[in-house]
C-alpha cells in the first residue's frame, strides 16, 4: 500500500462536484471510483486521501440563474438548442472525434418533447 496524502476542504460554494481522473482517492474515508462524479453539499467539509500520482478535479460555484435542461449528452437553458443538437447528432453532422470511429445513436426520440 502506498503512502496517502490527506487534506480537507470546506466547500462554501453552492454546487461542488469531484471527479477522479486517475489514481486512488478517498472522499470522507470512502474509496472513489474512476470516472465517477461525487457531489459535495454547500458548507460540507470533505476529507480527502490520495496516493502519489492521483489526479482529480473539483468544479463548482454559484448556480447559473437560468433553468438548465438536460437530455442525454446535451445541456442548455434553451430546449430548442437541445432538439437542434439531437437532430444534428442523428444526422452525424458533428465533426468526428479524432481516433474514435464508433457512432453511438440517440437512445430515443424523447428530445422532441422538450
PDB file of N, CA and C in Angstrom:
ATOM      1  N   UNK A   1       0.842  -1.183   0.000  1.00  0.00           N
ATOM      2  CA  UNK A   1       0.000   0.000   0.000  1.00  0.00           C
ATOM      3  C   UNK A   1       0.884   1.242   0.000  1.00  0.00           C
ATOM      4  N   UNK A   2       0.535   2.203  -0.858  1.00  0.00           N
ATOM      5  CA  UNK A   2       1.315   3.430  -0.953  1.00  0.00           C
ATOM      6  C   UNK A   2       0.882   4.416   0.130  1.00  0.00           C
ATOM      7  N   UNK A   3       1.817   5.291   0.499  1.00  0.00           N
ATOM      8  CA  UNK A   3       1.501   6.334   1.469  1.00  0.00           C
ATOM      9  C   UNK A   3       0.492   7.290   0.848  1.00  0.00           C
ATOM     10  N   UNK A   4      -0.502   7.668   1.634  1.00  0.00           N
ATOM     11  CA  UNK A   4      -1.504   8.613   1.152  1.00  0.00           C
ATOM     12  C   UNK A   4      -1.300   9.981   1.768  1.00  0.00           C
ATOM     13  N   UNK A   5      -1.495  11.010   0.936  1.00  0.00           N
ATOM     14  CA  UNK A   5      -1.567  12.369   1.443  1.00  0.00           C
ATOM     15  C   UNK A   5      -3.005  12.592   1.868  1.00  0.00           C
ATOM     16  N   UNK A   6      -3.216  13.320   2.942  1.00  0.00           N
ATOM     17  CA  UNK A   6      -4.582  13.619   3.351  1.00  0.00           C
ATOM     18  C   UNK A   6      -4.726  15.117   3.574  1.00  0.00           C
ATOM     19  N   UNK A   7      -5.895  15.611   3.276  1.00  0.00           N
ATOM     20  CA  UNK A   7      -6.203  17.030   3.421  1.00  0.00           C
ATOM     21  C   UNK A   7      -7.720  17.177   3.425  1.00  0.00           C
ATOM     22  N   UNK A   8      -8.182  18.350   3.778  1.00  0.00           N
ATOM     23  CA  UNK A   8      -9.614  18.582   3.756  1.00  0.00           C
ATOM     24  C   UNK A   8      -9.908  19.950   3.168  1.00  0.00           C
ATOM     25  N   UNK A   9     -11.102  20.068   2.601  1.00  0.00           N
ATOM     26  CA  UNK A   9     -11.557  21.325   2.010  1.00  0.00           C
ATOM     27  C   UNK A   9     -12.978  21.572   2.499  1.00  0.00           C
ATOM     28  N   UNK A  10     -13.235  22.801   2.941  1.00  0.00           N
ATOM     29  CA  UNK A  10     -14.602  23.196   3.291  1.00  0.00           C
ATOM     30  C   UNK A  10     -15.183  23.910   2.074  1.00  0.00           C
ATOM     31  N   UNK A  11     -16.229  23.340   1.514  1.00  0.00           N
ATOM     32  CA  UNK A  11     -16.830  23.897   0.304  1.00  0.00           C
ATOM     33  C   UNK A  11     -17.935  24.880   0.665  1.00  0.00           C
ATOM     34  N   UNK A  12     -17.663  26.154   0.446  1.00  0.00           N
ATOM     35  CA  UNK A  12     -18.637  27.198   0.748  1.00  0.00           C
ATOM     36  C   UNK A  12     -19.506  27.551  -0.455  1.00  0.00           C
ATOM     37  N   UNK A  13     -19.132  27.084  -1.649  1.00  0.00           N
ATOM     38  CA  UNK A  13     -19.956  27.400  -2.811  1.00  0.00           C
ATOM     39  C   UNK A  13     -21.164  26.460  -2.850  1.00  0.00           C
ATOM     40  N   UNK A  14     -22.192  26.879  -3.562  1.00  0.00           N
ATOM     41  CA  UNK A  14     -23.467  26.179  -3.540  1.00  0.00           C
ATOM     42  C   UNK A  14     -23.436  24.828  -4.244  1.00  0.00           C
ATOM     43  N   UNK A  15     -22.667  24.699  -5.306  1.00  0.00           N
ATOM     44  CA  UNK A  15     -22.628  23.456  -6.072  1.00  0.00           C
ATOM     45  C   UNK A  15     -21.180  23.033  -6.271  1.00  0.00           C
ATOM     46  N   UNK A  16     -20.866  21.789  -5.878  1.00  0.00           N
ATOM     47  CA  UNK A  16     -19.499  21.279  -5.994  1.00  0.00           C
ATOM     48  C   UNK A  16     -19.533  19.821  -6.437  1.00  0.00           C
ATOM     49  N   UNK A  17     -18.654  19.483  -7.371  1.00  0.00           N
ATOM     50  CA  UNK A  17     -18.514  18.092  -7.805  1.00  0.00           C
ATOM     51  C   UNK A  17     -17.027  17.729  -7.831  1.00  0.00           C
ATOM     52  N   UNK A  18     -16.744  16.460  -7.539  1.00  0.00           N
ATOM     53  CA  UNK A  18     -15.377  15.935  -7.507  1.00  0.00           C
ATOM     54  C   UNK A  18     -15.336  14.775  -8.487  1.00  0.00           C
ATOM     55  N   UNK A  19     -14.297  14.748  -9.338  1.00  0.00           N
ATOM     56  CA  UNK A  19     -14.200  13.730 -10.383  1.00  0.00           C
ATOM     57  C   UNK A  19     -12.791  13.144 -10.372  1.00  0.00           C
ATOM     58  N   UNK A  20     -12.692  11.842 -10.155  1.00  0.00           N
ATOM     59  CA  UNK A  20     -11.400  11.154 -10.125  1.00  0.00           C
ATOM     60  C   UNK A  20     -10.980  10.785 -11.543  1.00  0.00           C
ATOM     61  N   UNK A  21      -9.828  11.305 -11.959  1.00  0.00           N
ATOM     62  CA  UNK A  21      -9.297  11.060 -13.305  1.00  0.00           C
ATOM     63  C   UNK A  21      -8.422   9.816 -13.319  1.00  0.00           C
ATOM     64  N   UNK A  22      -7.483   9.727 -12.341  1.00  0.00           N
ATOM     65  CA  UNK A  22      -6.633   8.535 -12.251  1.00  0.00           C
ATOM     66  C   UNK A  22      -6.050   8.447 -10.851  1.00  0.00           C
ATOM     67  N   UNK A  23      -5.700   7.240 -10.472  1.00  0.00           N
ATOM     68  CA  UNK A  23      -5.083   7.024  -9.173  1.00  0.00           C
ATOM     69  C   UNK A  23      -6.070   6.538  -8.133  1.00  0.00           C
ATOM     70  N   UNK A  24      -5.695   6.751  -6.876  1.00  0.00           N
ATOM     71  CA  UNK A  24      -6.513   6.302  -5.754  1.00  0.00           C
ATOM     72  C   UNK A  24      -6.885   7.498  -4.899  1.00  0.00           C
ATOM     73  N   UNK A  25      -8.185   7.620  -4.623  1.00  0.00           N
ATOM     74  CA  UNK A  25      -8.692   8.759  -3.866  1.00  0.00           C
ATOM     75  C   UNK A  25      -9.753   8.273  -2.890  1.00  0.00           C
ATOM     76  N   UNK A  26      -9.687   8.770  -1.662  1.00  0.00           N
ATOM     77  CA  UNK A  26     -10.787   8.545  -0.732  1.00  0.00           C
ATOM     78  C   UNK A  26     -11.455   9.891  -0.478  1.00  0.00           C
ATOM     79  N   UNK A  27     -12.770   9.836  -0.380  1.00  0.00           N
ATOM     80  CA  UNK A  27     -13.582  11.007  -0.084  1.00  0.00           C
ATOM     81  C   UNK A  27     -14.362  10.663   1.176  1.00  0.00           C
ATOM     82  N   UNK A  28     -14.050  11.364   2.254  1.00  0.00           N
ATOM     83  CA  UNK A  28     -14.661  11.060   3.556  1.00  0.00           C
ATOM     84  C   UNK A  28     -14.526   9.570   3.892  1.00  0.00           C
ATOM     85  N   UNK A  29     -13.320   9.049   3.721  1.00  0.00           N
ATOM     86  CA  UNK A  29     -12.922   7.673   4.059  1.00  0.00           C
ATOM     87  C   UNK A  29     -13.572   6.611   3.174  1.00  0.00           C
ATOM     88  N   UNK A  30     -14.229   7.017   2.089  1.00  0.00           N
ATOM     89  CA  UNK A  30     -14.814   6.068   1.138  1.00  0.00           C
ATOM     90  C   UNK A  30     -13.998   6.095  -0.150  1.00  0.00           C
ATOM     91  N   UNK A  31     -13.664   4.928  -0.691  1.00  0.00           N
ATOM     92  CA  UNK A  31     -12.902   4.875  -1.947  1.00  0.00           C
ATOM     93  C   UNK A  31     -13.725   5.429  -3.098  1.00  0.00           C
ATOM     94  N   UNK A  32     -13.120   6.335  -3.846  1.00  0.00           N
ATOM     95  CA  UNK A  32     -13.769   6.890  -5.034  1.00  0.00           C
ATOM     96  C   UNK A  32     -13.496   5.974  -6.223  1.00  0.00           C
ATOM     97  N   UNK A  33     -14.456   5.890  -7.127  1.00  0.00           N
ATOM     98  CA  UNK A  33     -14.286   5.099  -8.349  1.00  0.00           C
ATOM     99  C   UNK A  33     -13.841   6.025  -9.477  1.00  0.00           C
ATOM    100  N   UNK A  34     -12.992   5.479 -10.347  1.00  0.00           N
ATOM    101  CA  UNK A  34     -12.540   6.249 -11.507  1.00  0.00           C
ATOM    102  C   UNK A  34     -13.730   6.699 -12.340  1.00  0.00           C
ATOM    103  N   UNK A  35     -13.650   7.913 -12.826  1.00  0.00           N
ATOM    104  CA  UNK A  35     -14.609   8.461 -13.784  1.00  0.00           C
ATOM    105  C   UNK A  35     -16.033   8.530 -13.245  1.00  0.00           C
ATOM    106  N   UNK A  36     -16.177   8.684 -11.932  1.00  0.00           N
ATOM    107  CA  UNK A  36     -17.486   8.906 -11.315  1.00  0.00           C
ATOM    108  C   UNK A  36     -17.498  10.322 -10.741  1.00  0.00           C
ATOM    109  N   UNK A  37     -18.660  10.911 -10.714  1.00  0.00           N
ATOM    110  CA  UNK A  37     -18.831  12.262 -10.195  1.00  0.00           C
ATOM    111  C   UNK A  37     -19.409  12.181  -8.786  1.00  0.00           C
ATOM    112  N   UNK A  38     -18.772  12.860  -7.856  1.00  0.00           N
ATOM    113  CA  UNK A  38     -19.219  12.901  -6.468  1.00  0.00           C
ATOM    114  C   UNK A  38     -19.645  14.327  -6.148  1.00  0.00           C
ATOM    115  N   UNK A  39     -20.741  14.469  -5.443  1.00  0.00           N
ATOM    116  CA  UNK A  39     -21.299  15.775  -5.130  1.00  0.00           C
ATOM    117  C   UNK A  39     -21.048  16.099  -3.656  1.00  0.00           C
ATOM    118  N   UNK A  40     -20.590  17.329  -3.401  1.00  0.00           N
ATOM    119  CA  UNK A  40     -20.424  17.817  -2.029  1.00  0.00           C
ATOM    120  C   UNK A  40     -21.512  18.853  -1.753  1.00  0.00           C
ATOM    121  N   UNK A  41     -22.030  18.826  -0.556  1.00  0.00           N
ATOM    122  CA  UNK A  41     -23.076  19.781  -0.161  1.00  0.00           C
ATOM    123  C   UNK A  41     -22.459  21.130   0.229  1.00  0.00           C
ATOM    124  N   UNK A  42     -23.257  22.174   0.091  1.00  0.00           N
ATOM    125  CA  UNK A  42     -22.844  23.517   0.496  1.00  0.00           C
ATOM    126  C   UNK A  42     -22.451  23.497   1.975  1.00  0.00           C
ATOM    127  N   UNK A  43     -21.281  24.029   2.278  1.00  0.00           N
ATOM    128  CA  UNK A  43     -20.806  24.087   3.647  1.00  0.00           C
ATOM    129  C   UNK A  43     -20.172  22.815   4.166  1.00  0.00           C
ATOM    130  N   UNK A  44     -20.138  21.775   3.345  1.00  0.00           N
ATOM    131  CA  UNK A  44     -19.575  20.484   3.776  1.00  0.00           C
ATOM    132  C   UNK A  44     -18.048  20.545   3.789  1.00  0.00           C
ATOM    133  N   UNK A  45     -17.447  19.975   4.818  1.00  0.00           N
ATOM    134  CA  UNK A  45     -16.006  19.786   4.852  1.00  0.00           C
ATOM    135  C   UNK A  45     -15.735  18.370   4.386  1.00  0.00           C
ATOM    136  N   UNK A  46     -14.984  18.250   3.304  1.00  0.00           N
ATOM    137  CA  UNK A  46     -14.688  16.947   2.711  1.00  0.00           C
ATOM    138  C   UNK A  46     -13.248  16.586   3.033  1.00  0.00           C
ATOM    139  N   UNK A  47     -13.059  15.372   3.530  1.00  0.00           N
ATOM    140  CA  UNK A  47     -11.723  14.872   3.832  1.00  0.00           C
ATOM    141  C   UNK A  47     -11.271  13.975   2.688  1.00  0.00           C
ATOM    142  N   UNK A  48     -10.108  14.297   2.137  1.00  0.00           N
ATOM    143  CA  UNK A  48      -9.547  13.563   1.010  1.00  0.00           C
ATOM    144  C   UNK A  48      -8.321  12.787   1.449  1.00  0.00           C
ATOM    145  N   UNK A  49      -8.103  11.645   0.820  1.00  0.00           N
ATOM    146  CA  UNK A  49      -6.860  10.903   0.917  1.00  0.00           C
ATOM    147  C   UNK A  49      -6.468  10.535  -0.502  1.00  0.00           C
ATOM    148  N   UNK A  50      -5.214  10.736  -0.858  1.00  0.00           N
ATOM    149  CA  UNK A  50      -4.806  10.429  -2.237  1.00  0.00           C
ATOM    150  C   UNK A  50      -3.427   9.791  -2.263  1.00  0.00           C
ATOM    151  N   UNK A  51      -3.275   8.812  -3.150  1.00  0.00           N
ATOM    152  CA  UNK A  51      -1.990   8.157  -3.364  1.00  0.00           C
ATOM    153  C   UNK A  51      -1.152   9.027  -4.298  1.00  0.00           C
ATOM    154  N   UNK A  52       0.165   8.870  -4.273  1.00  0.00           N
ATOM    155  CA  UNK A  52       1.020   9.615  -5.201  1.00  0.00           C
ATOM    156  C   UNK A  52       0.579   9.385  -6.649  1.00  0.00           C
ATOM    157  N   UNK A  53       0.558  10.448  -7.426  1.00  0.00           N
ATOM    158  CA  UNK A  53       0.189  10.364  -8.842  1.00  0.00           C
ATOM    159  C   UNK A  53      -1.301  10.466  -9.108  1.00  0.00           C
ATOM    160  N   UNK A  54      -2.101  10.589  -8.059  1.00  0.00           N
ATOM    161  CA  UNK A  54      -3.548  10.702  -8.245  1.00  0.00           C
ATOM    162  C   UNK A  54      -3.885  12.053  -8.858  1.00  0.00           C
ATOM    163  N   UNK A  55      -4.828  12.013  -9.814  1.00  0.00           N
ATOM    164  CA  UNK A  55      -5.311  13.250 -10.427  1.00  0.00           C
ATOM    165  C   UNK A  55      -6.833  13.283 -10.319  1.00  0.00           C
ATOM    166  N   UNK A  56      -7.353  14.392  -9.825  1.00  0.00           N
ATOM    167  CA  UNK A  56      -8.796  14.585  -9.773  1.00  0.00           C
ATOM    168  C   UNK A  56      -9.091  16.063  -9.930  1.00  0.00           C
ATOM    169  N   UNK A  57     -10.330  16.371 -10.265  1.00  0.00           N
ATOM    170  CA  UNK A  57     -10.717  17.769 -10.402  1.00  0.00           C
ATOM    171  C   UNK A  57     -11.895  18.067  -9.483  1.00  0.00           C
ATOM    172  N   UNK A  58     -11.961  19.309  -9.064  1.00  0.00           N
ATOM    173  CA  UNK A  58     -13.085  19.815  -8.281  1.00  0.00           C
ATOM    174  C   UNK A  58     -13.656  20.978  -9.070  1.00  0.00           C
ATOM    175  N   UNK A  59     -14.947  20.933  -9.347  1.00  0.00           N
ATOM    176  CA  UNK A  59     -15.608  22.017 -10.065  1.00  0.00           C
ATOM    177  C   UNK A  59     -16.817  22.466  -9.260  1.00  0.00           C
ATOM    178  N   UNK A  60     -17.161  23.714  -9.389  1.00  0.00           N
ATOM    179  CA  UNK A  60     -18.343  24.193  -8.687  1.00  0.00           C
ATOM    180  C   UNK A  60     -18.421  25.692  -8.696  1.00  0.00           C
ATOM    181  N   UNK A  61     -19.400  26.176  -7.997  1.00  0.00           N
ATOM    182  CA  UNK A  61     -19.589  27.609  -7.895  1.00  0.00           C
ATOM    183  C   UNK A  61     -21.036  27.950  -7.629  1.00  0.00           C
ATOM    184  N   UNK A  62     -21.377  29.169  -7.963  1.00  0.00           N
ATOM    185  CA  UNK A  62     -22.739  29.657  -7.796  1.00  0.00           C
ATOM    186  C   UNK A  62     -23.601  29.114  -8.927  1.00  0.00           C
ATOM    187  N   UNK A  63     -24.792  28.626  -8.623  1.00  0.00           N
ATOM    188  CA  UNK A  63     -25.665  28.120  -9.694  1.00  0.00           C
ATOM    189  C   UNK A  63     -25.960  29.201 -10.733  1.00  0.00           C
ATOM    190  N   UNK A  64     -26.098  28.795 -11.969  1.00  0.00           N
ATOM    191  CA  UNK A  64     -26.463  29.723 -13.030  1.00  0.00           C
ATOM    192  C   UNK A  64     -27.908  30.164 -12.814  1.00  0.00           C
ATOM    193  N   UNK A  65     -28.239  31.399 -13.178  1.00  0.00           N
ATOM    194  CA  UNK A  65     -29.584  31.903 -12.884  1.00  0.00           C
ATOM    195  C   UNK A  65     -30.697  31.246 -13.719  1.00  0.00           C
ATOM    196  N   UNK A  66     -30.372  30.801 -14.932  1.00  0.00           N
ATOM    197  CA  UNK A  66     -31.385  30.210 -15.791  1.00  0.00           C
ATOM    198  C   UNK A  66     -31.559  28.727 -15.476  1.00  0.00           C
ATOM    199  N   UNK A  67     -32.763  28.230 -15.697  1.00  0.00           N
ATOM    200  CA  UNK A  67     -33.014  26.797 -15.557  1.00  0.00           C
ATOM    201  C   UNK A  67     -32.242  26.060 -16.657  1.00  0.00           C
ATOM    202  N   UNK A  68     -31.663  24.922 -16.320  1.00  0.00           N
ATOM    203  CA  UNK A  68     -30.946  24.090 -17.286  1.00  0.00           C
ATOM    204  C   UNK A  68     -31.818  22.893 -17.657  1.00  0.00           C
ATOM    205  N   UNK A  69     -31.777  22.558 -18.919  1.00  0.00           N
ATOM    206  CA  UNK A  69     -32.469  21.375 -19.428  1.00  0.00           C
ATOM    207  C   UNK A  69     -31.397  20.395 -19.863  1.00  0.00           C
ATOM    208  N   UNK A  70     -31.616  19.127 -19.581  1.00  0.00           N
ATOM    209  CA  UNK A  70     -30.638  18.117 -19.948  1.00  0.00           C
ATOM    210  C   UNK A  70     -31.360  16.937 -20.594  1.00  0.00           C
ATOM    211  N   UNK A  71     -30.810  16.493 -21.699  1.00  0.00           N
ATOM    212  CA  UNK A  71     -31.295  15.292 -22.352  1.00  0.00           C
ATOM    213  C   UNK A  71     -30.075  14.580 -22.944  1.00  0.00           C
ATOM    214  N   UNK A  72     -29.884  13.346 -22.542  1.00  0.00           N
ATOM    215  CA  UNK A  72     -28.773  12.512 -22.968  1.00  0.00           C
ATOM    216  C   UNK A  72     -27.462  13.255 -22.723  1.00  0.00           C
ATOM    217  N   UNK A  73     -26.688  13.619 -23.772  1.00  0.00           N
ATOM    218  CA  UNK A  73     -25.415  14.322 -23.591  1.00  0.00           C
ATOM    219  C   UNK A  73     -25.521  15.819 -23.850  1.00  0.00           C
ATOM    220  N   UNK A  74     -26.726  16.329 -23.924  1.00  0.00           N
ATOM    221  CA  UNK A  74     -26.922  17.735 -24.268  1.00  0.00           C
ATOM    222  C   UNK A  74     -27.510  18.496 -23.088  1.00  0.00           C
ATOM    223  N   UNK A  75     -26.953  19.693 -22.834  1.00  0.00           N
ATOM    224  CA  UNK A  75     -27.421  20.564 -21.749  1.00  0.00           C
ATOM    225  C   UNK A  75     -27.526  21.975 -22.304  1.00  0.00           C
ATOM    226  N   UNK A  76     -28.653  22.638 -22.014  1.00  0.00           N
ATOM    227  CA  UNK A  76     -28.820  24.021 -22.455  1.00  0.00           C
ATOM    228  C   UNK A  76     -29.921  24.676 -21.627  1.00  0.00           C
ATOM    229  N   UNK A  77     -29.902  26.010 -21.600  1.00  0.00           N
ATOM    230  CA  UNK A  77     -31.004  26.740 -20.974  1.00  0.00           C
ATOM    231  C   UNK A  77     -32.161  26.878 -21.963  1.00  0.00           C
ATOM    232  N   UNK A  78     -31.918  26.534 -23.221  1.00  0.00           N
ATOM    233  CA  UNK A  78     -32.934  26.644 -24.271  1.00  0.00           C
ATOM    234  C   UNK A  78     -33.231  25.254 -24.843  1.00  0.00           C
ATOM    235  N   UNK A  79     -34.417  24.690 -24.567  1.00  0.00           N
ATOM    236  CA  UNK A  79     -34.732  23.347 -25.064  1.00  0.00           C
ATOM    237  C   UNK A  79     -34.640  23.215 -26.586  1.00  0.00           C
ATOM    238  N   UNK A  80     -34.882  24.299 -27.315  1.00  0.00           N
ATOM    239  CA  UNK A  80     -34.801  24.207 -28.779  1.00  0.00           C
ATOM    240  C   UNK A  80     -33.368  23.914 -29.227  1.00  0.00           C
ATOM    241  N   UNK A  81     -32.384  24.377 -28.461  1.00  0.00           N
ATOM    242  CA  UNK A  81     -30.990  24.079 -28.803  1.00  0.00           C
ATOM    243  C   UNK A  81     -30.677  22.597 -28.587  1.00  0.00           C
ATOM    244  N   UNK A  82     -31.310  21.980 -27.606  1.00  0.00           N
ATOM    245  CA  UNK A  82     -31.122  20.541 -27.389  1.00  0.00           C
ATOM    246  C   UNK A  82     -31.742  19.775 -28.541  1.00  0.00           C
ATOM    247  N   UNK A  83     -32.947  20.169 -28.949  1.00  0.00           N
ATOM    248  CA  UNK A  83     -33.591  19.497 -30.094  1.00  0.00           C
ATOM    249  C   UNK A  83     -32.728  19.642 -31.347  1.00  0.00           C
ATOM    250  N   UNK A  84     -32.193  20.842 -31.558  1.00  0.00           N
ATOM    251  CA  UNK A  84     -31.332  21.098 -32.720  1.00  0.00           C
ATOM    252  C   UNK A  84     -30.062  20.234 -32.665  1.00  0.00           C
ATOM    253  N   UNK A  85     -29.436  20.152 -31.495  1.00  0.00           N
ATOM    254  CA  UNK A  85     -28.219  19.345 -31.355  1.00  0.00           C
ATOM    255  C   UNK A  85     -28.524  17.865 -31.554  1.00  0.00           C
ATOM    256  N   UNK A  86     -29.676  17.403 -31.056  1.00  0.00           N
ATOM    257  CA  UNK A  86     -30.045  15.996 -31.223  1.00  0.00           C
ATOM    258  C   UNK A  86     -30.251  15.669 -32.706  1.00  0.00           C
ATOM    259  N   UNK A  87     -30.903  16.553 -33.420  1.00  0.00           N
ATOM    260  CA  UNK A  87     -31.099  16.334 -34.861  1.00  0.00           C
ATOM    261  C   UNK A  87     -29.750  16.332 -35.588  1.00  0.00           C
ATOM    262  N   UNK A  88     -28.881  17.226 -35.188  1.00  0.00           N
ATOM    263  CA  UNK A  88     -27.538  17.296 -35.794  1.00  0.00           C
ATOM    264  C   UNK A  88     -26.766  15.999 -35.499  1.00  0.00           C
ATOM    265  N   UNK A  89     -26.883  15.503 -34.254  1.00  0.00           N
ATOM    266  CA  UNK A  89     -26.214  14.249 -33.889  1.00  0.00           C
ATOM    267  C   UNK A  89     -26.777  13.094 -34.716  1.00  0.00           C
ATOM    268  N   UNK A  90     -28.103  13.039 -34.809  1.00  0.00           N
ATOM    269  CA  UNK A  90     -28.773  11.971 -35.563  1.00  0.00           C
ATOM    270  C   UNK A  90     -28.304  11.953 -37.018  1.00  0.00           C
ATOM    271  N   UNK A  91     -28.091  13.137 -37.581  1.00  0.00           N
ATOM    272  CA  UNK A  91     -27.626  13.255 -38.968  1.00  0.00           C
ATOM    273  C   UNK A  91     -26.113  13.095 -39.088  1.00  0.00           C
ATOM    274  N   UNK A  92     -25.445  12.838 -37.956  1.00  0.00           N
ATOM    275  CA  UNK A  92     -23.978  12.699 -37.896  1.00  0.00           C
ATOM    276  C   UNK A  92     -23.284  13.926 -38.481  1.00  0.00           C
ATOM    277  N   UNK A  93     -23.811  15.099 -38.132  1.00  0.00           N
ATOM    278  CA  UNK A  93     -23.292  16.356 -38.661  1.00  0.00           C
ATOM    279  C   UNK A  93     -22.230  17.003 -37.765  1.00  0.00           C
ATOM    280  N   UNK A  94     -21.938  16.395 -36.621  1.00  0.00           N
ATOM    281  CA  UNK A  94     -20.853  16.909 -35.786  1.00  0.00           C
ATOM    282  C   UNK A  94     -19.525  16.400 -36.331  1.00  0.00           C
ATOM    283  N   UNK A  95     -18.437  17.155 -36.180  1.00  0.00           N
ATOM    284  CA  UNK A  95     -17.133  16.657 -36.626  1.00  0.00           C
ATOM    285  C   UNK A  95     -16.762  15.397 -35.836  1.00  0.00           C
ATOM    286  N   UNK A  96     -16.065  14.467 -36.459  1.00  0.00           N
ATOM    287  CA  UNK A  96     -15.688  13.241 -35.748  1.00  0.00           C
ATOM    288  C   UNK A  96     -14.658  13.512 -34.649  1.00  0.00           C
ATOM    289  N   UNK A  97     -14.700  12.677 -33.642  1.00  0.00           N
ATOM    290  CA  UNK A  97     -13.704  12.741 -32.573  1.00  0.00           C
ATOM    291  C   UNK A  97     -12.459  12.021 -33.093  1.00  0.00           C
ATOM    292  N   UNK A  98     -11.291  12.672 -33.093  1.00  0.00           N
ATOM    293  CA  UNK A  98     -10.082  12.020 -33.603  1.00  0.00           C
ATOM    294  C   UNK A  98      -9.832  10.683 -32.917  1.00  0.00           C
ATOM    295  N   UNK A  99      -9.608   9.659 -33.717  1.00  0.00           N
ATOM    296  CA  UNK A  99      -9.295   8.327 -33.194  1.00  0.00           C
ATOM    297  C   UNK A  99     -10.505   7.525 -32.755  1.00  0.00           C
ATOM    298  N   UNK A 100     -11.703   8.073 -32.896  1.00  0.00           N
ATOM    299  CA  UNK A 100     -12.920   7.356 -32.495  1.00  0.00           C
ATOM    300  C   UNK A 100     -13.815   7.189 -33.706  1.00  0.00           C
ATOM    301  N   UNK A 101     -13.959   5.964 -34.165  1.00  0.00           N
ATOM    302  CA  UNK A 101     -14.741   5.703 -35.365  1.00  0.00           C
ATOM    303  C   UNK A 101     -16.135   5.166 -35.073  1.00  0.00           C
ATOM    304  N   UNK A 102     -16.479   5.035 -33.791  1.00  0.00           N
ATOM    305  CA  UNK A 102     -17.773   4.474 -33.427  1.00  0.00           C
ATOM    306  C   UNK A 102     -18.825   5.576 -33.344  1.00  0.00           C
ATOM    307  N   UNK A 103     -19.988   5.353 -33.955  1.00  0.00           N
ATOM    308  CA  UNK A 103     -21.113   6.267 -33.821  1.00  0.00           C
ATOM    309  C   UNK A 103     -22.111   5.654 -32.844  1.00  0.00           C
ATOM    310  N   UNK A 104     -22.486   6.415 -31.833  1.00  0.00           N
ATOM    311  CA  UNK A 104     -23.476   5.958 -30.863  1.00  0.00           C
ATOM    312  C   UNK A 104     -24.780   6.675 -31.181  1.00  0.00           C
ATOM    313  N   UNK A 105     -25.812   5.937 -31.557  1.00  0.00           N
ATOM    314  CA  UNK A 105     -27.075   6.585 -31.916  1.00  0.00           C
ATOM    315  C   UNK A 105     -27.783   7.160 -30.692  1.00  0.00           C
ATOM    316  N   UNK A 106     -28.701   8.082 -30.948  1.00  0.00           N
ATOM    317  CA  UNK A 106     -29.516   8.636 -29.876  1.00  0.00           C
ATOM    318  C   UNK A 106     -30.300   7.508 -29.207  1.00  0.00           C
ATOM    319  N   UNK A 107     -30.525   7.578 -27.907  1.00  0.00           N
ATOM    320  CA  UNK A 107     -31.229   6.494 -27.228  1.00  0.00           C
ATOM    321  C   UNK A 107     -32.705   6.402 -27.609  1.00  0.00           C
ATOM    322  N   UNK A 108     -33.338   7.518 -27.946  1.00  0.00           N
ATOM    323  CA  UNK A 108     -34.749   7.523 -28.341  1.00  0.00           C
ATOM    324  C   UNK A 108     -35.078   8.904 -28.886  1.00  0.00           C
ATOM    325  N   UNK A 109     -36.355   9.171 -29.117  1.00  0.00           N
ATOM    326  CA  UNK A 109     -36.717  10.490 -29.652  1.00  0.00           C
ATOM    327  C   UNK A 109     -37.450  11.362 -28.625  1.00  0.00           C
ATOM    328  N   UNK A 110     -37.252  11.102 -27.336  1.00  0.00           N
ATOM    329  CA  UNK A 110     -37.929  11.885 -26.305  1.00  0.00           C
ATOM    330  C   UNK A 110     -37.487  13.348 -26.297  1.00  0.00           C
ATOM    331  N   UNK A 111     -36.387  13.673 -26.953  1.00  0.00           N
ATOM    332  CA  UNK A 111     -35.946  15.063 -27.043  1.00  0.00           C
ATOM    333  C   UNK A 111     -36.973  15.922 -27.754  1.00  0.00           C
ATOM    334  N   UNK A 112     -37.813  15.306 -28.577  1.00  0.00           N
ATOM    335  CA  UNK A 112     -38.828  16.066 -29.309  1.00  0.00           C
ATOM    336  C   UNK A 112     -39.880  16.659 -28.378  1.00  0.00           C
ATOM    337  N   UNK A 113     -39.972  16.126 -27.158  1.00  0.00           N
ATOM    338  CA  UNK A 113     -40.961  16.608 -26.188  1.00  0.00           C
ATOM    339  C   UNK A 113     -40.401  17.674 -25.255  1.00  0.00           C
ATOM    340  N   UNK A 114     -39.172  18.090 -25.443  1.00  0.00           N
ATOM    341  CA  UNK A 114     -38.599  19.136 -24.578  1.00  0.00           C
ATOM    342  C   UNK A 114     -39.220  20.486 -24.873  1.00  0.00           C
TER     343      UNK A 114
END
